[in-house]
Amino acid sequence: MQCFGPFELDPGSGRLFRGPTRVRLSDPQAAILLRLVADAGQVVSKASLVEAGWGAVAVGDNSLDQAMSRLRKTLGQRAGGACYMETVPNQGYRSAHQSSAACG
């Protein structure tokens, strides 16, 4: 499990939990979140996130933008009002949290 804030993310299944409650994500959202959590604090390019979310399927930036918007809405905000995911203009996105393999 990868933990950040009140969330636990299972890298094997892509399932996200907030405490005992499963948080529903689409397959692309789960893949994008897994990629961002794996590279916590690093900028991940839009192209890398599109590849993670949709593989060889041709999608546009709009699909990624919608997936990121839904992820932000699903995750909510951290203490202090900051988002878990940051947009890095002209580069991509970055997870704005420290993740840990040790939960609890």
N, C-alpha and C. Protein backbone atom coordinates (compact mmCIF):
# COMPACT_ATOMS: atom_id res chain seq x y z
N MET A 1 0.84 -1.19 0.00
CA MET A 1 0.00 0.00 0.00
C MET A 1 0.88 1.25 0.00
N GLN A 2 0.42 2.25 -0.73
CA GLN A 2 1.02 3.57 -0.69
C GLN A 2 0.04 4.48 0.04
N CYS A 3 0.52 5.21 1.02
CA CYS A 3 -0.34 6.04 1.85
C CYS A 3 -0.01 7.51 1.66
N PHE A 4 -1.05 8.32 1.60
CA PHE A 4 -0.89 9.77 1.57
C PHE A 4 -2.14 10.38 2.18
N GLY A 5 -1.93 11.32 3.09
CA GLY A 5 -3.06 11.90 3.79
C GLY A 5 -3.91 10.79 4.39
N PRO A 6 -5.23 10.87 4.23
CA PRO A 6 -6.11 9.83 4.77
C PRO A 6 -6.31 8.66 3.81
N PHE A 7 -5.55 8.62 2.73
CA PHE A 7 -5.77 7.63 1.67
C PHE A 7 -4.74 6.51 1.68
N GLU A 8 -5.19 5.33 1.25
CA GLU A 8 -4.32 4.18 1.00
C GLU A 8 -4.59 3.72 -0.43
N LEU A 9 -3.52 3.60 -1.20
CA LEU A 9 -3.62 3.20 -2.60
C LEU A 9 -2.91 1.88 -2.78
N ASP A 10 -3.63 0.90 -3.29
CA ASP A 10 -3.06 -0.43 -3.53
C ASP A 10 -2.47 -0.46 -4.94
N PRO A 11 -1.14 -0.48 -5.06
CA PRO A 11 -0.52 -0.46 -6.40
C PRO A 11 -0.86 -1.68 -7.25
N GLY A 12 -1.12 -2.79 -6.64
CA GLY A 12 -1.43 -4.00 -7.40
C GLY A 12 -2.79 -3.96 -8.07
N SER A 13 -3.77 -3.41 -7.38
CA SER A 13 -5.13 -3.40 -7.92
C SER A 13 -5.58 -2.02 -8.39
N GLY A 14 -4.86 -0.97 -7.97
CA GLY A 14 -5.29 0.39 -8.29
C GLY A 14 -6.46 0.86 -7.45
N ARG A 15 -6.78 0.12 -6.40
CA ARG A 15 -7.89 0.50 -5.54
C ARG A 15 -7.44 1.55 -4.52
N LEU A 16 -8.31 2.53 -4.29
CA LEU A 16 -8.05 3.61 -3.36
C LEU A 16 -9.02 3.50 -2.20
N PHE A 17 -8.50 3.68 -0.98
CA PHE A 17 -9.33 3.63 0.21
C PHE A 17 -9.11 4.88 1.05
N ARG A 18 -10.18 5.33 1.65
CA ARG A 18 -10.11 6.37 2.68
C ARG A 18 -10.63 5.71 3.94
N GLY A 19 -9.68 5.31 4.80
CA GLY A 19 -10.06 4.47 5.94
C GLY A 19 -10.56 3.14 5.39
N PRO A 20 -11.66 2.63 5.91
CA PRO A 20 -12.18 1.35 5.42
C PRO A 20 -13.03 1.47 4.15
N THR A 21 -13.28 2.70 3.71
CA THR A 21 -14.18 2.92 2.59
C THR A 21 -13.42 2.99 1.27
N ARG A 22 -13.86 2.18 0.32
CA ARG A 22 -13.26 2.23 -1.02
C ARG A 22 -13.73 3.47 -1.76
N VAL A 23 -12.79 4.15 -2.38
CA VAL A 23 -13.07 5.33 -3.19
C VAL A 23 -13.05 4.88 -4.64
N ARG A 24 -14.14 5.05 -5.34
CA ARG A 24 -14.25 4.59 -6.72
C ARG A 24 -13.48 5.50 -7.67
N LEU A 25 -12.66 4.88 -8.50
CA LEU A 25 -11.92 5.58 -9.55
C LEU A 25 -12.10 4.81 -10.85
N SER A 26 -12.11 5.54 -11.96
CA SER A 26 -12.09 4.87 -13.26
C SER A 26 -10.70 4.26 -13.44
N ASP A 27 -10.57 3.35 -14.39
CA ASP A 27 -9.26 2.75 -14.65
C ASP A 27 -8.21 3.80 -15.02
N PRO A 28 -8.52 4.75 -15.91
CA PRO A 28 -7.52 5.79 -16.21
C PRO A 28 -7.16 6.63 -14.98
N GLN A 29 -8.15 6.98 -14.17
CA GLN A 29 -7.86 7.76 -12.97
C GLN A 29 -6.94 7.00 -12.03
N ALA A 30 -7.21 5.72 -11.83
CA ALA A 30 -6.37 4.90 -10.94
C ALA A 30 -4.94 4.82 -11.48
N ALA A 31 -4.81 4.62 -12.78
CA ALA A 31 -3.47 4.51 -13.38
C ALA A 31 -2.70 5.83 -13.27
N ILE A 32 -3.40 6.94 -13.48
CA ILE A 32 -2.77 8.25 -13.36
C ILE A 32 -2.35 8.50 -11.91
N LEU A 33 -3.24 8.20 -10.97
CA LEU A 33 -2.91 8.39 -9.56
C LEU A 33 -1.72 7.52 -9.15
N LEU A 34 -1.71 6.27 -9.60
CA LEU A 34 -0.57 5.39 -9.30
C LEU A 34 0.74 5.98 -9.80
N ARG A 35 0.71 6.51 -11.01
CA ARG A 35 1.93 7.11 -11.58
C ARG A 35 2.37 8.33 -10.78
N LEU A 36 1.44 9.19 -10.41
CA LEU A 36 1.78 10.39 -9.65
C LEU A 36 2.29 10.04 -8.25
N VAL A 37 1.67 9.07 -7.61
CA VAL A 37 2.10 8.66 -6.27
C VAL A 37 3.48 8.00 -6.34
N ALA A 38 3.72 7.21 -7.38
CA ALA A 38 5.03 6.56 -7.52
C ALA A 38 6.14 7.59 -7.68
N ASP A 39 5.83 8.72 -8.31
CA ASP A 39 6.81 9.78 -8.54
C ASP A 39 6.51 11.00 -7.68
N ALA A 40 6.08 10.77 -6.44
CA ALA A 40 5.67 11.86 -5.55
C ALA A 40 6.71 12.97 -5.50
N GLY A 41 6.23 14.19 -5.70
CA GLY A 41 7.10 15.36 -5.65
C GLY A 41 7.78 15.69 -6.96
N GLN A 42 7.73 14.79 -7.93
CA GLN A 42 8.37 15.00 -9.23
C GLN A 42 7.32 15.39 -10.26
N VAL A 43 7.72 16.20 -11.21
CA VAL A 43 6.81 16.56 -12.30
C VAL A 43 6.70 15.37 -13.25
N VAL A 44 5.47 14.99 -13.57
CA VAL A 44 5.22 13.91 -14.51
C VAL A 44 4.57 14.56 -15.74
N SER A 45 5.15 14.33 -16.90
CA SER A 45 4.66 14.96 -18.12
C SER A 45 3.26 14.49 -18.47
N LYS A 46 2.54 15.35 -19.18
CA LYS A 46 1.20 14.99 -19.65
C LYS A 46 1.26 13.74 -20.51
N ALA A 47 2.27 13.64 -21.37
CA ALA A 47 2.40 12.47 -22.25
C ALA A 47 2.55 11.19 -21.43
N SER A 48 3.32 11.24 -20.35
CA SER A 48 3.50 10.06 -19.49
C SER A 48 2.20 9.68 -18.80
N LEU A 49 1.44 10.69 -18.39
CA LEU A 49 0.17 10.40 -17.72
C LEU A 49 -0.87 9.86 -18.70
N VAL A 50 -0.88 10.39 -19.92
CA VAL A 50 -1.79 9.86 -20.95
C VAL A 50 -1.43 8.40 -21.24
N GLU A 51 -0.16 8.11 -21.35
CA GLU A 51 0.28 6.73 -21.60
C GLU A 51 -0.13 5.83 -20.43
N ALA A 52 0.05 6.31 -19.21
CA ALA A 52 -0.33 5.51 -18.04
C ALA A 52 -1.83 5.26 -18.01
N GLY A 53 -2.61 6.27 -18.34
CA GLY A 53 -4.06 6.16 -18.24
C GLY A 53 -4.74 5.45 -19.38
N TRP A 54 -4.20 5.60 -20.59
CA TRP A 54 -4.90 5.06 -21.76
C TRP A 54 -4.04 4.18 -22.64
N GLY A 55 -2.78 4.02 -22.32
CA GLY A 55 -1.91 3.16 -23.12
C GLY A 55 -1.81 3.65 -24.55
N ALA A 56 -2.02 2.76 -25.49
CA ALA A 56 -1.87 3.08 -26.91
C ALA A 56 -3.11 3.73 -27.52
N VAL A 57 -4.17 3.88 -26.74
CA VAL A 57 -5.39 4.51 -27.24
C VAL A 57 -5.13 6.01 -27.43
N ALA A 58 -5.47 6.52 -28.60
CA ALA A 58 -5.25 7.94 -28.89
C ALA A 58 -6.33 8.78 -28.19
N VAL A 59 -5.88 9.60 -27.23
CA VAL A 59 -6.78 10.54 -26.56
C VAL A 59 -6.11 11.90 -26.55
N GLY A 60 -6.88 12.93 -26.39
CA GLY A 60 -6.34 14.29 -26.37
C GLY A 60 -6.11 14.78 -24.95
N ASP A 61 -5.56 15.99 -24.87
CA ASP A 61 -5.32 16.62 -23.57
C ASP A 61 -6.61 16.76 -22.77
N ASN A 62 -7.72 16.91 -23.46
CA ASN A 62 -9.00 17.08 -22.78
C ASN A 62 -9.32 15.87 -21.89
N SER A 63 -9.00 14.67 -22.36
CA SER A 63 -9.25 13.47 -21.56
C SER A 63 -8.44 13.49 -20.27
N LEU A 64 -7.18 13.89 -20.39
CA LEU A 64 -6.33 13.99 -19.20
C LEU A 64 -6.84 15.09 -18.28
N ASP A 65 -7.20 16.24 -18.84
CA ASP A 65 -7.70 17.34 -18.02
C ASP A 65 -8.94 16.93 -17.24
N GLN A 66 -9.85 16.20 -17.90
CA GLN A 66 -11.07 15.74 -17.23
C GLN A 66 -10.74 14.74 -16.13
N ALA A 67 -9.82 13.82 -16.41
CA ALA A 67 -9.44 12.82 -15.41
C ALA A 67 -8.80 13.50 -14.20
N MET A 68 -7.95 14.50 -14.43
CA MET A 68 -7.31 15.21 -13.32
C MET A 68 -8.34 16.00 -12.52
N SER A 69 -9.29 16.61 -13.21
CA SER A 69 -10.34 17.36 -12.52
C SER A 69 -11.15 16.43 -11.62
N ARG A 70 -11.49 15.27 -12.13
CA ARG A 70 -12.26 14.31 -11.33
C ARG A 70 -11.44 13.77 -10.16
N LEU A 71 -10.15 13.54 -10.39
CA LEU A 71 -9.28 13.09 -9.30
C LEU A 71 -9.22 14.14 -8.20
N ARG A 72 -9.03 15.38 -8.58
CA ARG A 72 -8.97 16.46 -7.59
C ARG A 72 -10.27 16.53 -6.79
N LYS A 73 -11.38 16.42 -7.47
CA LYS A 73 -12.68 16.47 -6.80
C LYS A 73 -12.83 15.27 -5.85
N THR A 74 -12.42 14.11 -6.30
CA THR A 74 -12.53 12.90 -5.48
C THR A 74 -11.64 12.98 -4.25
N LEU A 75 -10.41 13.45 -4.42
CA LEU A 75 -9.46 13.49 -3.31
C LEU A 75 -9.74 14.64 -2.35
N GLY A 76 -10.34 15.70 -2.85
CA GLY A 76 -10.58 16.86 -2.00
C GLY A 76 -9.28 17.61 -1.75
N GLN A 77 -9.22 18.27 -0.62
CA GLN A 77 -8.04 19.08 -0.29
C GLN A 77 -7.37 18.55 0.97
N ARG A 78 -6.08 18.84 1.03
CA ARG A 78 -5.30 18.49 2.22
C ARG A 78 -5.60 19.52 3.31
N ALA A 79 -5.15 19.23 4.52
CA ALA A 79 -5.24 20.20 5.60
C ALA A 79 -4.59 21.49 5.13
N GLY A 80 -5.21 22.60 5.38
CA GLY A 80 -4.68 23.88 4.93
C GLY A 80 -5.23 24.30 3.58
N GLY A 81 -6.04 23.44 2.94
CA GLY A 81 -6.71 23.81 1.71
C GLY A 81 -5.97 23.52 0.42
N ALA A 82 -4.77 22.99 0.47
CA ALA A 82 -4.01 22.70 -0.75
C ALA A 82 -4.51 21.41 -1.41
N CYS A 83 -4.42 21.36 -2.73
CA CYS A 83 -4.80 20.15 -3.47
C CYS A 83 -3.72 19.09 -3.36
N TYR A 84 -4.11 17.84 -3.55
CA TYR A 84 -3.14 16.75 -3.56
C TYR A 84 -2.34 16.73 -4.86
N MET A 85 -2.93 17.25 -5.94
CA MET A 85 -2.27 17.26 -7.24
C MET A 85 -2.08 18.70 -7.70
N GLU A 86 -0.88 19.02 -8.17
CA GLU A 86 -0.58 20.36 -8.65
C GLU A 86 -0.37 20.34 -10.16
N THR A 87 -0.84 21.38 -10.81
CA THR A 87 -0.53 21.58 -12.23
C THR A 87 0.78 22.34 -12.31
N VAL A 88 1.69 21.85 -13.13
CA VAL A 88 2.95 22.55 -13.39
C VAL A 88 2.83 23.07 -14.83
N PRO A 89 2.58 24.37 -14.99
CA PRO A 89 2.30 24.91 -16.32
C PRO A 89 3.35 24.53 -17.36
N ASN A 90 2.85 24.13 -18.53
CA ASN A 90 3.68 23.75 -19.68
C ASN A 90 4.56 22.53 -19.44
N GLN A 91 4.32 21.80 -18.35
CA GLN A 91 5.14 20.63 -18.06
C GLN A 91 4.31 19.38 -17.78
N GLY A 92 3.36 19.50 -16.87
CA GLY A 92 2.57 18.33 -16.50
C GLY A 92 1.95 18.51 -15.14
N TYR A 93 2.02 17.47 -14.32
CA TYR A 93 1.41 17.47 -13.00
C TYR A 93 2.39 16.89 -11.99
N ARG A 94 2.13 17.22 -10.72
CA ARG A 94 2.98 16.71 -9.64
C ARG A 94 2.07 16.40 -8.45
N SER A 95 2.36 15.29 -7.78
CA SER A 95 1.64 15.03 -6.54
C SER A 95 2.27 15.91 -5.46
N ALA A 96 1.43 16.59 -4.72
CA ALA A 96 1.90 17.56 -3.74
C ALA A 96 1.80 16.98 -2.33
N HIS A 97 2.19 15.75 -2.18
CA HIS A 97 2.13 15.10 -0.87
C HIS A 97 3.27 14.11 -0.75
N GLN A 98 3.58 13.76 0.42
CA GLN A 98 4.57 12.71 0.67
C GLN A 98 3.82 11.41 0.81
N SER A 99 4.22 10.42 0.04
CA SER A 99 3.58 9.11 0.19
C SER A 99 4.53 8.20 0.94
N SER A 100 3.95 7.18 1.53
CA SER A 100 4.73 6.25 2.31
C SER A 100 4.18 4.85 2.08
N ALA A 101 5.08 3.88 2.11
CA ALA A 101 4.64 2.49 1.98
C ALA A 101 4.10 1.96 3.30
N ALA A 102 4.41 2.66 4.40
CA ALA A 102 3.94 2.26 5.72
C ALA A 102 2.69 3.05 6.07
N CYS A 103 1.58 2.37 6.20
CA CYS A 103 0.32 3.03 6.50
C CYS A 103 0.03 2.92 7.99
N GLY A 104 -0.76 3.87 8.45
CA GLY A 104 -1.24 3.78 9.82
C GLY A 104 -0.54 4.71 10.69
